[in-house]
Structure formats: structure tokens, C-alpha cells
Protein backbone atom coordinates (compact mmCIF):
# COMPACT_ATOMS: atom_id res chain seq x y z
CA MET A 1 31.54 -182.02 168.81
CA ALA A 2 31.23 -185.56 167.18
CA ALA A 3 27.25 -185.48 167.76
CA ILE A 4 27.72 -181.88 165.87
CA VAL A 5 29.37 -183.45 162.96
CA LYS A 6 26.53 -186.31 163.02
CA GLU A 7 24.28 -183.54 162.55
CA MET A 8 25.83 -181.98 159.68
CA VAL A 9 25.65 -185.33 157.91
CA ASP A 10 21.95 -185.44 158.09
CA ILE A 11 21.46 -181.94 157.25
CA THR A 12 23.66 -181.99 154.37
CA TYR A 13 22.34 -185.18 152.93
CA SER A 14 18.57 -183.79 153.66
CA GLY A 15 19.67 -180.49 151.72
CA LEU A 16 21.09 -182.29 148.74
CA ASP A 17 18.42 -184.88 148.32
CA LYS A 18 15.41 -182.23 148.52
CA ASN A 19 17.52 -179.65 146.43
CA ASP A 20 16.96 -177.13 149.17
CA ILE A 21 19.77 -174.53 149.82
CA HIS A 22 17.56 -173.11 152.77
CA ILE A 23 18.10 -176.87 154.56
CA LEU A 24 22.01 -176.50 153.90
CA ASP A 25 21.79 -173.20 155.86
CA GLY A 26 22.04 -175.43 159.21
CA VAL A 27 25.22 -176.75 158.40
CA LEU A 28 26.83 -173.21 158.52
CA GLY A 29 25.73 -172.66 162.01
CA LYS A 30 27.11 -175.84 163.31
CA GLU A 31 30.17 -175.22 161.79
CA ARG A 32 30.50 -172.29 163.98
CA GLU A 33 29.66 -174.06 167.10
CA LEU A 34 32.44 -176.44 166.16
CA ASP A 35 34.95 -173.76 165.96
CA ALA A 36 33.87 -172.23 169.03
CA ILE A 37 33.95 -175.45 170.97
CA GLU A 38 37.42 -176.78 169.41
CA GLU A 39 38.75 -173.19 170.59
CA GLU A 40 37.53 -173.78 174.09
CA ILE A 41 38.84 -177.13 174.33
CA ILE A 42 42.41 -176.28 173.25
CA ALA A 43 42.55 -173.42 175.66
CA ASP A 44 41.53 -175.79 178.28
CA ILE A 45 44.20 -178.09 177.27
CA VAL A 46 47.02 -175.38 177.37
CA ALA A 47 45.82 -174.36 180.87
CA LEU A 48 45.53 -177.97 182.24
CA SER A 49 48.90 -179.11 180.40
CA LYS A 50 50.77 -176.75 183.01
CA LYS A 51 49.49 -178.91 185.85
CA LEU A 52 49.76 -182.69 184.65
CA ASP A 53 52.59 -184.90 184.40
CA GLU A 54 53.80 -186.17 180.99
CA ALA A 55 51.48 -189.13 180.67
CA ALA A 56 48.32 -187.13 181.50
CA LYS A 57 49.78 -184.27 178.90
CA LYS A 58 49.93 -186.94 176.14
CA LYS A 59 46.23 -188.18 176.89
CA LEU A 60 45.50 -184.34 176.53
CA VAL A 61 47.47 -184.30 173.44
CA VAL A 62 45.45 -186.92 171.80
CA TRP A 63 42.00 -185.24 173.03
CA GLY A 64 43.45 -182.08 171.20
CA GLN A 65 43.79 -183.73 168.22
CA ILE A 66 40.61 -185.55 168.14
CA ALA A 67 38.89 -181.86 168.63
CA GLN A 68 41.45 -180.42 166.05
CA ASN A 69 40.03 -183.48 163.30
CA LEU A 70 36.43 -182.62 164.41
CA GLU A 71 36.64 -178.98 163.71
CA ARG A 72 38.42 -179.56 160.32
CA MET A 73 35.45 -181.95 159.33
CA GLY A 74 33.45 -178.89 160.02
CA ASP A 75 35.14 -176.91 157.47
CA GLU A 76 35.10 -179.75 155.10
CA PHE A 77 31.39 -179.48 155.48
CA ARG A 78 31.18 -175.93 154.72
CA SER A 79 33.06 -176.45 151.72
CA LEU A 80 30.86 -179.30 150.59
CA VAL A 81 27.78 -177.36 151.72
CA GLU A 82 29.13 -174.60 149.34
CA ARG A 83 29.62 -176.38 146.31
CA ILE A 84 26.07 -178.32 146.69
CA GLU A 85 24.45 -174.89 146.89
CA ILE A 86 26.26 -173.81 143.45
CA LYS A 87 24.90 -177.05 142.18
CA ILE A 88 21.23 -176.16 143.10
CA SER A 89 21.67 -172.67 142.26
CA ASP A 90 22.87 -173.28 139.07
CA ARG A 91 20.75 -175.91 138.40
CA LEU A 92 23.74 -178.15 137.65
CA GLN A 93 22.71 -181.83 136.71
CA PHE A 94 24.47 -184.83 137.46
CA SER A 95 24.33 -187.87 135.35
CA GLU A 96 22.14 -190.95 136.83
CA GLU A 97 25.63 -193.00 137.32
CA GLY A 98 27.38 -189.96 138.92
CA SER A 99 24.58 -189.33 141.30
CA SER A 100 24.49 -193.03 142.55
CA GLN A 101 28.18 -192.94 143.08
CA TYR A 102 28.07 -189.90 144.72
CA LYS A 103 25.64 -191.22 147.15
CA GLU A 104 27.48 -194.14 147.79
CA VAL A 105 30.70 -192.15 148.60
CA PHE A 106 28.31 -189.88 150.88
CA ASN A 107 26.85 -193.13 152.91
CA THR A 108 30.23 -194.61 153.14
CA MET A 109 31.46 -191.51 154.79
CA LYS A 110 28.30 -191.29 156.86
CA LYS A 111 29.45 -194.92 158.26
CA SER A 112 32.89 -193.48 159.29
CA VAL A 113 30.86 -190.89 160.95
CA ASP A 114 28.81 -192.95 162.56
CA LEU A 115 31.19 -195.52 163.52
CA LEU A 116 33.31 -192.57 164.96
CA VAL A 117 30.56 -191.17 167.16
CA LYS A 118 30.15 -194.87 168.43
CA PHE A 119 33.58 -195.25 169.46
CA LEU A 120 33.63 -191.58 171.21
CA ASN A 121 30.49 -192.52 173.14
CA THR A 122 31.49 -195.88 174.16
CA GLY A 123 35.39 -196.00 173.90
CA ASN A 124 35.34 -199.76 172.19
CA PRO A 125 38.67 -200.15 170.53
CA GLY A 126 37.36 -202.68 168.20
CA LEU A 127 35.50 -199.93 166.34
CA LEU A 128 38.79 -198.48 165.43
CA ASP A 129 39.69 -200.99 163.23
CA GLU A 130 36.14 -200.56 161.39
CA ILE A 131 36.69 -197.07 161.03
CA LEU A 132 40.09 -197.74 159.41
CA ALA A 133 38.79 -200.42 157.07
CA ASN A 134 35.85 -197.87 155.88
CA GLY A 135 38.63 -195.43 155.05
CA ASP A 136 40.27 -197.61 152.89
CA VAL A 137 36.73 -198.38 151.04
CA ILE A 138 36.25 -194.76 150.76
CA LYS A 139 39.11 -194.11 149.33
CA LYS A 140 38.83 -196.84 146.77
CA LEU A 141 34.98 -195.41 146.03
CA VAL A 142 36.09 -191.71 145.35
CA GLU A 143 38.87 -192.93 143.12
CA LYS A 144 36.28 -195.10 141.30
CA ALA A 145 33.79 -192.10 141.05
CA ARG A 146 36.41 -189.91 139.57
CA SER A 147 37.65 -192.25 136.71
CA ALA A 148 34.10 -192.78 135.71
CA HIS A 149 33.19 -189.40 135.78
CA LEU A 150 36.50 -188.74 133.84
CA GLU A 151 35.08 -191.17 131.22
CA ARG A 152 31.44 -189.68 131.31
CA LEU A 153 33.09 -186.38 131.02
CA THR A 154 35.30 -187.22 127.64
CA LYS A 155 32.20 -188.61 126.16
CA GLY A 156 30.34 -185.28 126.79
CA ILE A 157 27.71 -186.60 128.91
CA CYS A 158 28.47 -184.00 131.48
CA GLN A 159 29.03 -180.63 131.72
CA ALA A 160 32.39 -179.11 132.51
CA ARG A 161 30.66 -176.58 135.41
CA ALA A 162 28.88 -179.83 136.46
CA SER A 163 31.98 -181.62 136.77
CA ASN A 164 33.89 -178.98 138.80
CA MET A 165 31.26 -179.25 141.63
CA TYR A 166 31.27 -183.27 141.41
CA PHE A 167 34.77 -183.36 141.73
CA ASP A 168 34.91 -180.96 144.87
CA MET A 169 31.98 -183.06 146.35
CA LEU A 170 33.92 -186.12 146.11
CA ASP A 171 36.87 -184.85 147.58
CA PHE A 172 35.39 -182.80 150.25
CA THR A 173 33.33 -185.98 151.25
CA GLY A 174 36.37 -188.22 151.06
CA ASN A 175 38.39 -185.94 153.34
CA ILE A 176 35.63 -185.86 156.06
CA ALA A 177 35.93 -189.79 156.03
CA ARG A 178 39.75 -189.35 156.42
CA HIS A 179 39.30 -187.18 159.37
CA CYS A 180 37.56 -189.70 160.96
CA THR A 181 40.38 -192.13 159.82
CA ASN A 182 42.73 -189.84 161.29
CA ILE A 183 41.09 -189.84 164.69
CA ALA A 184 41.17 -193.77 164.63
CA ARG A 185 44.63 -193.76 164.09
CA VAL A 186 45.40 -191.16 166.69
CA SER A 187 43.36 -192.98 169.32
CA LYS A 188 44.62 -196.35 168.14
CA GLU A 189 48.32 -195.03 168.71
CA SER A 190 47.69 -193.50 172.28
CA SER A 191 46.14 -196.94 173.69
């Protein structure tokens, strides 16, 4: 599931960077894949839990929470892509500063996803602290970008419609990183 989320990051960035709605269509297919996998995992957990002792059940619950957070990341990507598609189709422009700040937020979210994928592939517990620290960074970046954008909006630099898309994109991107943080916390607590 984490590998699918990583693909969603790359597809979303490419579609945004190239201003191409057709590229973004790939995210929706990936989101449906995540939904199906998460459903299978939860069904397997329910079936397996009937046969396991309490310690093993607790580990299954952690894996269930990880699967649920990854699936929710897919939902956030779907919502993000919908806003990017509106931005593209309505030809909404962000200021140079706003675009730069959004890219910084996006790249910081990407770092959280990359660290998460690495943790899930290696089991290296040291990566959990990096994910948590990066979560703090992105939270501050989103707050900073929102404040700077409000200032631009009050100065008349930005359009109201573009502003709505910008705020949504910041929030959805931050939420993706938040789910990485949730997985890190759950994983750390279960160690």
C-alpha cells in the first residue's frame, strides 16, 4: 500500500508541474487500489484475530491502523487532485511566492512518505523519529503558507477562487503527512 501512495505522490507532482489533468487521472485508479487492499486487509485481520492470542491480536490491530491510514492518504490524494484539476481547468494562477511555498509543503510531505515507505520496508525504528520530526516541520510550513497567502489575499494579489483551491491544497497535502505521522506514532507505541 505504501508503494502505491508513493506512486500517487509522483503522479500528483507530475500532473501539477505539467499542468496536465490527464496525468492526474492515474491517482484515482491508485486510490481505488488502496481501497480494495485495505478492505482485504481488514477482512483478513478479522478472520485471523479469532485464532490468535492477545499479543498477536495487538500486532494485527497495529497493522490494521497502518492500512487504514494509508487508505486515508489515498482519500486525501483524491481530494488534492480534484482541487488541482479545478485549478488547471479554471486556469487559476497562484502567485510566484504562493507556488514556491506550496512546492515546499509538497516536497516536505513527499519526504514524510519516502521515510514511511523506507520504514515499512526496513522496519528501522530510527526512521519513526524522523517521520515525527518532519510532521512538525510540515505543520509549521502549512501555517506559514496559509498566513502568507492571507496577507497576499488582503492585498488583492490573489483571486478568491484561486485562494480556496490554494488553502484546500495546503490542507490536503498537510493531511497526507499527518497520516504518516499517525503511522509513526502507532508503530512507535507498539514497539
